[in-house]
């Protein structure tokens, strides 16, 4: 199992503002921006937004995963495929 987290936060400076991104590691070389927000006045403001959004993002992902698992189990119990 990899020790690198699947989701990370990236703070990028733009002209005179900051951009916060939640980045998902797809492969060792490829990354995908899952969520982003622009126009923060400071790096600290962007970091605090990203921290809060990452918590919410992961909580929603866990809920969705559990919901999908429940559906698969119910479908299998009824004798369906998949």
PDB file of N, CA and C in Angstrom:
ATOM      1  N   UNK A   1       0.839  -1.176   0.000  1.00  0.00           N
ATOM      2  CA  UNK A   1       0.000   0.000   0.000  1.00  0.00           C
ATOM      3  C   UNK A   1       0.886   1.241   0.000  1.00  0.00           C
ATOM      4  N   UNK A   2       0.466   2.243  -0.714  1.00  0.00           N
ATOM      5  CA  UNK A   2       1.241   3.470  -0.851  1.00  0.00           C
ATOM      6  C   UNK A   2       1.138   4.327   0.408  1.00  0.00           C
ATOM      7  N   UNK A   3       2.210   5.027   0.713  1.00  0.00           N
ATOM      8  CA  UNK A   3       2.182   5.929   1.860  1.00  0.00           C
ATOM      9  C   UNK A   3       1.772   7.339   1.437  1.00  0.00           C
ATOM     10  N   UNK A   4       1.608   7.568   0.136  1.00  0.00           N
ATOM     11  CA  UNK A   4       1.206   8.865  -0.377  1.00  0.00           C
ATOM     12  C   UNK A   4      -0.317   8.974  -0.343  1.00  0.00           C
ATOM     13  N   UNK A   5      -0.840  10.082   0.189  1.00  0.00           N
ATOM     14  CA  UNK A   5      -2.291  10.225   0.239  1.00  0.00           C
ATOM     15  C   UNK A   5      -2.890  10.386  -1.161  1.00  0.00           C
ATOM     16  N   UNK A   6      -4.112   9.909  -1.339  1.00  0.00           N
ATOM     17  CA  UNK A   6      -4.764   9.985  -2.634  1.00  0.00           C
ATOM     18  C   UNK A   6      -5.219  11.413  -2.937  1.00  0.00           C
ATOM     19  N   UNK A   7      -5.639  12.147  -1.917  1.00  0.00           N
ATOM     20  CA  UNK A   7      -6.067  13.534  -2.096  1.00  0.00           C
ATOM     21  C   UNK A   7      -5.124  14.458  -1.343  1.00  0.00           C
ATOM     22  N   UNK A   8      -4.715  15.522  -1.996  1.00  0.00           N
ATOM     23  CA  UNK A   8      -3.841  16.511  -1.363  1.00  0.00           C
ATOM     24  C   UNK A   8      -4.346  17.911  -1.672  1.00  0.00           C
ATOM     25  N   UNK A   9      -3.756  18.871  -1.008  1.00  0.00           N
ATOM     26  CA  UNK A   9      -4.082  20.275  -1.216  1.00  0.00           C
ATOM     27  C   UNK A   9      -2.898  20.941  -1.902  1.00  0.00           C
ATOM     28  N   UNK A  10      -3.204  21.772  -2.890  1.00  0.00           N
ATOM     29  CA  UNK A  10      -2.151  22.527  -3.569  1.00  0.00           C
ATOM     30  C   UNK A  10      -2.574  23.992  -3.570  1.00  0.00           C
ATOM     31  N   UNK A  11      -1.682  24.864  -3.113  1.00  0.00           N
ATOM     32  CA  UNK A  11      -1.917  26.304  -3.095  1.00  0.00           C
ATOM     33  C   UNK A  11      -1.000  26.918  -4.148  1.00  0.00           C
ATOM     34  N   UNK A  12      -1.602  27.617  -5.114  1.00  0.00           N
ATOM     35  CA  UNK A  12      -0.856  28.149  -6.244  1.00  0.00           C
ATOM     36  C   UNK A  12      -0.988  29.663  -6.277  1.00  0.00           C
ATOM     37  N   UNK A  13       0.145  30.389  -6.320  1.00  0.00           N
ATOM     38  CA  UNK A  13       0.041  31.845  -6.449  1.00  0.00           C
ATOM     39  C   UNK A  13      -0.291  32.224  -7.888  1.00  0.00           C
ATOM     40  N   UNK A  14      -1.220  33.142  -8.047  1.00  0.00           N
ATOM     41  CA  UNK A  14      -1.506  33.743  -9.345  1.00  0.00           C
ATOM     42  C   UNK A  14      -1.182  35.216  -9.200  1.00  0.00           C
ATOM     43  N   UNK A  15      -1.225  35.961 -10.262  1.00  0.00           N
ATOM     44  CA  UNK A  15      -0.773  37.363 -10.279  1.00  0.00           C
ATOM     45  C   UNK A  15      -0.678  38.016  -8.899  1.00  0.00           C
ATOM     46  N   UNK A  16      -1.806  38.397  -8.323  1.00  0.00           N
ATOM     47  CA  UNK A  16      -1.782  39.017  -6.995  1.00  0.00           C
ATOM     48  C   UNK A  16      -2.740  38.320  -6.029  1.00  0.00           C
ATOM     49  N   UNK A  17      -3.210  37.133  -6.410  1.00  0.00           N
ATOM     50  CA  UNK A  17      -4.102  36.361  -5.558  1.00  0.00           C
ATOM     51  C   UNK A  17      -3.588  34.929  -5.444  1.00  0.00           C
ATOM     52  N   UNK A  18      -4.355  34.101  -4.735  1.00  0.00           N
ATOM     53  CA  UNK A  18      -3.974  32.701  -4.533  1.00  0.00           C
ATOM     54  C   UNK A  18      -5.096  31.788  -5.007  1.00  0.00           C
ATOM     55  N   UNK A  19      -4.744  30.595  -5.439  1.00  0.00           N
ATOM     56  CA  UNK A  19      -5.699  29.581  -5.886  1.00  0.00           C
ATOM     57  C   UNK A  19      -5.481  28.328  -5.036  1.00  0.00           C
ATOM     58  N   UNK A  20      -6.578  27.789  -4.498  1.00  0.00           N
ATOM     59  CA  UNK A  20      -6.520  26.562  -3.707  1.00  0.00           C
ATOM     60  C   UNK A  20      -7.138  25.432  -4.524  1.00  0.00           C
ATOM     61  N   UNK A  21      -6.480  24.268  -4.510  1.00  0.00           N
ATOM     62  CA  UNK A  21      -6.952  23.127  -5.283  1.00  0.00           C
ATOM     63  C   UNK A  21      -6.923  21.863  -4.424  1.00  0.00           C
ATOM     64  N   UNK A  22      -7.935  21.015  -4.602  1.00  0.00           N
ATOM     65  CA  UNK A  22      -7.926  19.671  -4.044  1.00  0.00           C
ATOM     66  C   UNK A  22      -7.549  18.766  -5.199  1.00  0.00           C
ATOM     67  N   UNK A  23      -6.432  18.066  -5.054  1.00  0.00           N
ATOM     68  CA  UNK A  23      -5.864  17.289  -6.152  1.00  0.00           C
ATOM     69  C   UNK A  23      -5.909  15.806  -5.812  1.00  0.00           C
ATOM     70  N   UNK A  24      -6.386  15.003  -6.780  1.00  0.00           N
ATOM     71  CA  UNK A  24      -6.433  13.545  -6.614  1.00  0.00           C
ATOM     72  C   UNK A  24      -5.311  12.927  -7.422  1.00  0.00           C
ATOM     73  N   UNK A  25      -4.585  12.030  -6.808  1.00  0.00           N
ATOM     74  CA  UNK A  25      -3.507  11.331  -7.490  1.00  0.00           C
ATOM     75  C   UNK A  25      -4.109  10.147  -8.249  1.00  0.00           C
ATOM     76  N   UNK A  26      -4.072  10.216  -9.577  1.00  0.00           N
ATOM     77  CA  UNK A  26      -4.643   9.174 -10.419  1.00  0.00           C
ATOM     78  C   UNK A  26      -3.632   8.042 -10.595  1.00  0.00           C
ATOM     79  N   UNK A  27      -2.435   8.393 -11.018  1.00  0.00           N
ATOM     80  CA  UNK A  27      -1.329   7.444 -11.136  1.00  0.00           C
ATOM     81  C   UNK A  27      -0.097   8.117 -10.546  1.00  0.00           C
ATOM     82  N   UNK A  28       1.024   7.454 -10.635  1.00  0.00           N
ATOM     83  CA  UNK A  28       2.254   8.039 -10.097  1.00  0.00           C
ATOM     84  C   UNK A  28       2.631   9.336 -10.827  1.00  0.00           C
ATOM     85  N   UNK A  29       2.247   9.435 -12.085  1.00  0.00           N
ATOM     86  CA  UNK A  29       2.623  10.609 -12.877  1.00  0.00           C
ATOM     87  C   UNK A  29       1.469  11.554 -13.172  1.00  0.00           C
ATOM     88  N   UNK A  30       0.250  11.108 -12.959  1.00  0.00           N
ATOM     89  CA  UNK A  30      -0.906  11.902 -13.356  1.00  0.00           C
ATOM     90  C   UNK A  30      -1.732  12.326 -12.154  1.00  0.00           C
ATOM     91  N   UNK A  31      -2.148  13.577 -12.154  1.00  0.00           N
ATOM     92  CA  UNK A  31      -2.975  14.136 -11.090  1.00  0.00           C
ATOM     93  C   UNK A  31      -4.186  14.822 -11.708  1.00  0.00           C
ATOM     94  N   UNK A  32      -5.273  14.896 -10.939  1.00  0.00           N
ATOM     95  CA  UNK A  32      -6.506  15.510 -11.411  1.00  0.00           C
ATOM     96  C   UNK A  32      -7.012  16.483 -10.342  1.00  0.00           C
ATOM     97  N   UNK A  33      -7.355  17.705 -10.756  1.00  0.00           N
ATOM     98  CA  UNK A  33      -7.909  18.681  -9.816  1.00  0.00           C
ATOM     99  C   UNK A  33      -9.383  18.364  -9.640  1.00  0.00           C
ATOM    100  N   UNK A  34      -9.770  17.978  -8.428  1.00  0.00           N
ATOM    101  CA  UNK A  34     -11.153  17.612  -8.141  1.00  0.00           C
ATOM    102  C   UNK A  34     -11.995  18.828  -7.788  1.00  0.00           C
ATOM    103  N   UNK A  35     -11.396  19.809  -7.150  1.00  0.00           N
ATOM    104  CA  UNK A  35     -12.118  21.002  -6.750  1.00  0.00           C
ATOM    105  C   UNK A  35     -11.120  22.147  -6.626  1.00  0.00           C
ATOM    106  N   UNK A  36     -11.539  23.357  -7.016  1.00  0.00           N
ATOM    107  CA  UNK A  36     -10.631  24.504  -6.950  1.00  0.00           C
ATOM    108  C   UNK A  36     -11.419  25.781  -6.659  1.00  0.00           C
ATOM    109  N   UNK A  37     -10.724  26.742  -6.083  1.00  0.00           N
ATOM    110  CA  UNK A  37     -11.316  28.049  -5.805  1.00  0.00           C
ATOM    111  C   UNK A  37     -10.233  29.102  -6.031  1.00  0.00           C
ATOM    112  N   UNK A  38     -10.606  30.201  -6.687  1.00  0.00           N
ATOM    113  CA  UNK A  38      -9.666  31.271  -7.024  1.00  0.00           C
ATOM    114  C   UNK A  38      -9.882  32.509  -6.156  1.00  0.00           C
ATOM    115  N   UNK A  39      -8.998  33.472  -6.356  1.00  0.00           N
ATOM    116  CA  UNK A  39      -9.124  34.841  -5.838  1.00  0.00           C
ATOM    117  C   UNK A  39      -9.075  34.964  -4.323  1.00  0.00           C
ATOM    118  N   UNK A  40      -8.193  34.225  -3.680  1.00  0.00           N
ATOM    119  CA  UNK A  40      -7.961  34.420  -2.248  1.00  0.00           C
ATOM    120  C   UNK A  40      -6.924  35.527  -2.092  1.00  0.00           C
ATOM    121  N   UNK A  41      -7.104  36.361  -1.103  1.00  0.00           N
ATOM    122  CA  UNK A  41      -6.186  37.488  -0.904  1.00  0.00           C
ATOM    123  C   UNK A  41      -4.870  37.077  -0.269  1.00  0.00           C
ATOM    124  N   UNK A  42      -4.894  35.976   0.504  1.00  0.00           N
ATOM    125  CA  UNK A  42      -3.668  35.531   1.157  1.00  0.00           C
ATOM    126  C   UNK A  42      -3.542  34.021   1.055  1.00  0.00           C
ATOM    127  N   UNK A  43      -2.333  33.545   1.239  1.00  0.00           N
ATOM    128  CA  UNK A  43      -2.078  32.109   1.216  1.00  0.00           C
ATOM    129  C   UNK A  43      -2.773  31.419   2.385  1.00  0.00           C
ATOM    130  N   UNK A  44      -2.789  32.065   3.539  1.00  0.00           N
ATOM    131  CA  UNK A  44      -3.428  31.485   4.722  1.00  0.00           C
ATOM    132  C   UNK A  44      -4.932  31.321   4.513  1.00  0.00           C
ATOM    133  N   UNK A  45      -5.555  32.281   3.865  1.00  0.00           N
ATOM    134  CA  UNK A  45      -6.982  32.198   3.570  1.00  0.00           C
ATOM    135  C   UNK A  45      -7.267  31.031   2.621  1.00  0.00           C
ATOM    136  N   UNK A  46      -6.431  30.870   1.605  1.00  0.00           N
ATOM    137  CA  UNK A  46      -6.578  29.760   0.654  1.00  0.00           C
ATOM    138  C   UNK A  46      -6.368  28.425   1.361  1.00  0.00           C
ATOM    139  N   UNK A  47      -5.393  28.364   2.243  1.00  0.00           N
ATOM    140  CA  UNK A  47      -5.103  27.129   2.976  1.00  0.00           C
ATOM    141  C   UNK A  47      -6.266  26.740   3.888  1.00  0.00           C
ATOM    142  N   UNK A  48      -6.846  27.701   4.577  1.00  0.00           N
ATOM    143  CA  UNK A  48      -7.955  27.388   5.475  1.00  0.00           C
ATOM    144  C   UNK A  48      -9.177  26.912   4.688  1.00  0.00           C
ATOM    145  N   UNK A  49      -9.453  27.524   3.532  1.00  0.00           N
ATOM    146  CA  UNK A  49     -10.564  27.068   2.684  1.00  0.00           C
ATOM    147  C   UNK A  49     -10.309  25.640   2.220  1.00  0.00           C
ATOM    148  N   UNK A  50      -9.094  25.373   1.761  1.00  0.00           N
ATOM    149  CA  UNK A  50      -8.755  24.044   1.239  1.00  0.00           C
ATOM    150  C   UNK A  50      -8.861  22.979   2.332  1.00  0.00           C
ATOM    151  N   UNK A  51      -8.405  23.283   3.530  1.00  0.00           N
ATOM    152  CA  UNK A  51      -8.503  22.320   4.636  1.00  0.00           C
ATOM    153  C   UNK A  51      -9.960  21.971   4.930  1.00  0.00           C
ATOM    154  N   UNK A  52     -10.811  22.990   5.013  1.00  0.00           N
ATOM    155  CA  UNK A  52     -12.225  22.762   5.303  1.00  0.00           C
ATOM    156  C   UNK A  52     -12.893  21.993   4.163  1.00  0.00           C
ATOM    157  N   UNK A  53     -12.617  22.364   2.930  1.00  0.00           N
ATOM    158  CA  UNK A  53     -13.231  21.701   1.780  1.00  0.00           C
ATOM    159  C   UNK A  53     -12.762  20.262   1.634  1.00  0.00           C
ATOM    160  N   UNK A  54     -11.505  19.992   1.959  1.00  0.00           N
ATOM    161  CA  UNK A  54     -10.996  18.633   1.868  1.00  0.00           C
ATOM    162  C   UNK A  54     -11.723  17.725   2.867  1.00  0.00           C
ATOM    163  N   UNK A  55     -11.974  18.231   4.073  1.00  0.00           N
ATOM    164  CA  UNK A  55     -12.728  17.459   5.067  1.00  0.00           C
ATOM    165  C   UNK A  55     -14.125  17.133   4.543  1.00  0.00           C
ATOM    166  N   UNK A  56     -14.817  18.150   4.015  1.00  0.00           N
ATOM    167  CA  UNK A  56     -16.160  17.945   3.480  1.00  0.00           C
ATOM    168  C   UNK A  56     -16.139  17.009   2.278  1.00  0.00           C
ATOM    169  N   UNK A  57     -15.162  17.185   1.414  1.00  0.00           N
ATOM    170  CA  UNK A  57     -15.023  16.371   0.210  1.00  0.00           C
ATOM    171  C   UNK A  57     -14.844  14.903   0.572  1.00  0.00           C
ATOM    172  N   UNK A  58     -13.965  14.627   1.523  1.00  0.00           N
ATOM    173  CA  UNK A  58     -13.715  13.244   1.936  1.00  0.00           C
ATOM    174  C   UNK A  58     -14.915  12.645   2.669  1.00  0.00           C
ATOM    175  N   UNK A  59     -15.628  13.461   3.443  1.00  0.00           N
ATOM    176  CA  UNK A  59     -16.822  12.968   4.137  1.00  0.00           C
ATOM    177  C   UNK A  59     -17.898  12.586   3.121  1.00  0.00           C
ATOM    178  N   UNK A  60     -18.104  13.426   2.107  1.00  0.00           N
ATOM    179  CA  UNK A  60     -19.091  13.122   1.072  1.00  0.00           C
ATOM    180  C   UNK A  60     -18.687  11.896   0.270  1.00  0.00           C
ATOM    181  N   UNK A  61     -17.409  11.745   0.010  1.00  0.00           N
ATOM    182  CA  UNK A  61     -16.903  10.579  -0.721  1.00  0.00           C
ATOM    183  C   UNK A  61     -17.152   9.296   0.081  1.00  0.00           C
ATOM    184  N   UNK A  62     -16.930   9.356   1.387  1.00  0.00           N
ATOM    185  CA  UNK A  62     -17.158   8.189   2.239  1.00  0.00           C
ATOM    186  C   UNK A  62     -18.637   7.825   2.266  1.00  0.00           C
ATOM    187  N   UNK A  63     -19.516   8.837   2.338  1.00  0.00           N
ATOM    188  CA  UNK A  63     -20.961   8.582   2.324  1.00  0.00           C
ATOM    189  C   UNK A  63     -21.380   7.924   1.018  1.00  0.00           C
ATOM    190  N   UNK A  64     -20.884   8.460  -0.084  1.00  0.00           N
ATOM    191  CA  UNK A  64     -21.236   7.929  -1.400  1.00  0.00           C
ATOM    192  C   UNK A  64     -20.738   6.498  -1.568  1.00  0.00           C
ATOM    193  N   UNK A  65     -19.548   6.226  -1.092  1.00  0.00           N
ATOM    194  CA  UNK A  65     -18.986   4.880  -1.173  1.00  0.00           C
ATOM    195  C   UNK A  65     -19.818   3.900  -0.360  1.00  0.00           C
ATOM    196  N   UNK A  66     -20.215   4.304   0.838  1.00  0.00           N
ATOM    197  CA  UNK A  66     -21.049   3.440   1.686  1.00  0.00           C
ATOM    198  C   UNK A  66     -22.401   3.190   1.039  1.00  0.00           C
ATOM    199  N   UNK A  67     -22.977   4.221   0.445  1.00  0.00           N
ATOM    200  CA  UNK A  67     -24.267   4.082  -0.220  1.00  0.00           C
ATOM    201  C   UNK A  67     -24.175   3.096  -1.389  1.00  0.00           C
ATOM    202  N   UNK A  68     -23.115   3.200  -2.182  1.00  0.00           N
ATOM    203  CA  UNK A  68     -22.909   2.282  -3.299  1.00  0.00           C
ATOM    204  C   UNK A  68     -22.711   0.855  -2.812  1.00  0.00           C
ATOM    205  N   UNK A  69     -21.977   0.684  -1.743  1.00  0.00           N
ATOM    206  CA  UNK A  69     -21.755  -0.646  -1.173  1.00  0.00           C
ATOM    207  C   UNK A  69     -23.077  -1.259  -0.719  1.00  0.00           C
ATOM    208  N   UNK A  70     -23.910  -0.460  -0.052  1.00  0.00           N
ATOM    209  CA  UNK A  70     -25.205  -0.934   0.415  1.00  0.00           C
ATOM    210  C   UNK A  70     -26.069  -1.378  -0.768  1.00  0.00           C
ATOM    211  N   UNK A  71     -26.074  -0.602  -1.829  1.00  0.00           N
ATOM    212  CA  UNK A  71     -26.846  -0.965  -3.018  1.00  0.00           C
ATOM    213  C   UNK A  71     -26.361  -2.278  -3.628  1.00  0.00           C
ATOM    214  N   UNK A  72     -25.042  -2.465  -3.700  1.00  0.00           N
ATOM    215  CA  UNK A  72     -24.497  -3.704  -4.266  1.00  0.00           C
ATOM    216  C   UNK A  72     -24.876  -4.910  -3.422  1.00  0.00           C
ATOM    217  N   UNK A  73     -24.805  -4.763  -2.106  1.00  0.00           N
ATOM    218  CA  UNK A  73     -25.142  -5.866  -1.206  1.00  0.00           C
ATOM    219  C   UNK A  73     -26.620  -6.224  -1.348  1.00  0.00           C
ATOM    220  N   UNK A  74     -27.486  -5.206  -1.397  1.00  0.00           N
ATOM    221  CA  UNK A  74     -28.919  -5.455  -1.547  1.00  0.00           C
ATOM    222  C   UNK A  74     -29.219  -6.132  -2.876  1.00  0.00           C
ATOM    223  N   UNK A  75     -28.563  -5.686  -3.920  1.00  0.00           N
ATOM    224  CA  UNK A  75     -28.775  -6.276  -5.248  1.00  0.00           C
ATOM    225  C   UNK A  75     -28.313  -7.730  -5.267  1.00  0.00           C
ATOM    226  N   UNK A  76     -27.191  -8.013  -4.634  1.00  0.00           N
ATOM    227  CA  UNK A  76     -26.681  -9.378  -4.578  1.00  0.00           C
ATOM    228  C   UNK A  76     -27.605 -10.267  -3.749  1.00  0.00           C
ATOM    229  N   UNK A  77     -28.200  -9.727  -2.700  1.00  0.00           N
ATOM    230  CA  UNK A  77     -29.096 -10.500  -1.846  1.00  0.00           C
ATOM    231  C   UNK A  77     -30.374 -10.872  -2.590  1.00  0.00           C
ATOM    232  N   UNK A  78     -30.775 -10.017  -3.535  1.00  0.00           N
ATOM    233  CA  UNK A  78     -31.973 -10.301  -4.318  1.00  0.00           C
ATOM    234  C   UNK A  78     -31.693 -11.278  -5.460  1.00  0.00           C
ATOM    235  N   UNK A  79     -30.435 -11.625  -5.627  1.00  0.00           N
ATOM    236  CA  UNK A  79     -30.090 -12.569  -6.683  1.00  0.00           C
ATOM    237  C   UNK A  79     -29.692 -11.905  -7.976  1.00  0.00           C
ATOM    238  N   UNK A  80     -29.501 -10.594  -7.944  1.00  0.00           N
ATOM    239  CA  UNK A  80     -29.078  -9.880  -9.149  1.00  0.00           C
ATOM    240  C   UNK A  80     -27.606 -10.052  -9.405  1.00  0.00           C
ATOM    241  N   UNK A  81     -27.204  -9.718 -10.598  1.00  0.00           N
ATOM    242  CA  UNK A  81     -25.776  -9.795 -10.931  1.00  0.00           C
ATOM    243  C   UNK A  81     -25.110  -8.481 -10.576  1.00  0.00           C
ATOM    244  N   UNK A  82     -23.825  -8.558 -10.209  1.00  0.00           N
ATOM    245  CA  UNK A  82     -23.033  -7.379 -10.056  1.00  0.00           C
ATOM    246  C   UNK A  82     -22.796  -6.881  -8.731  1.00  0.00           C
TER     247      UNK A  82
END
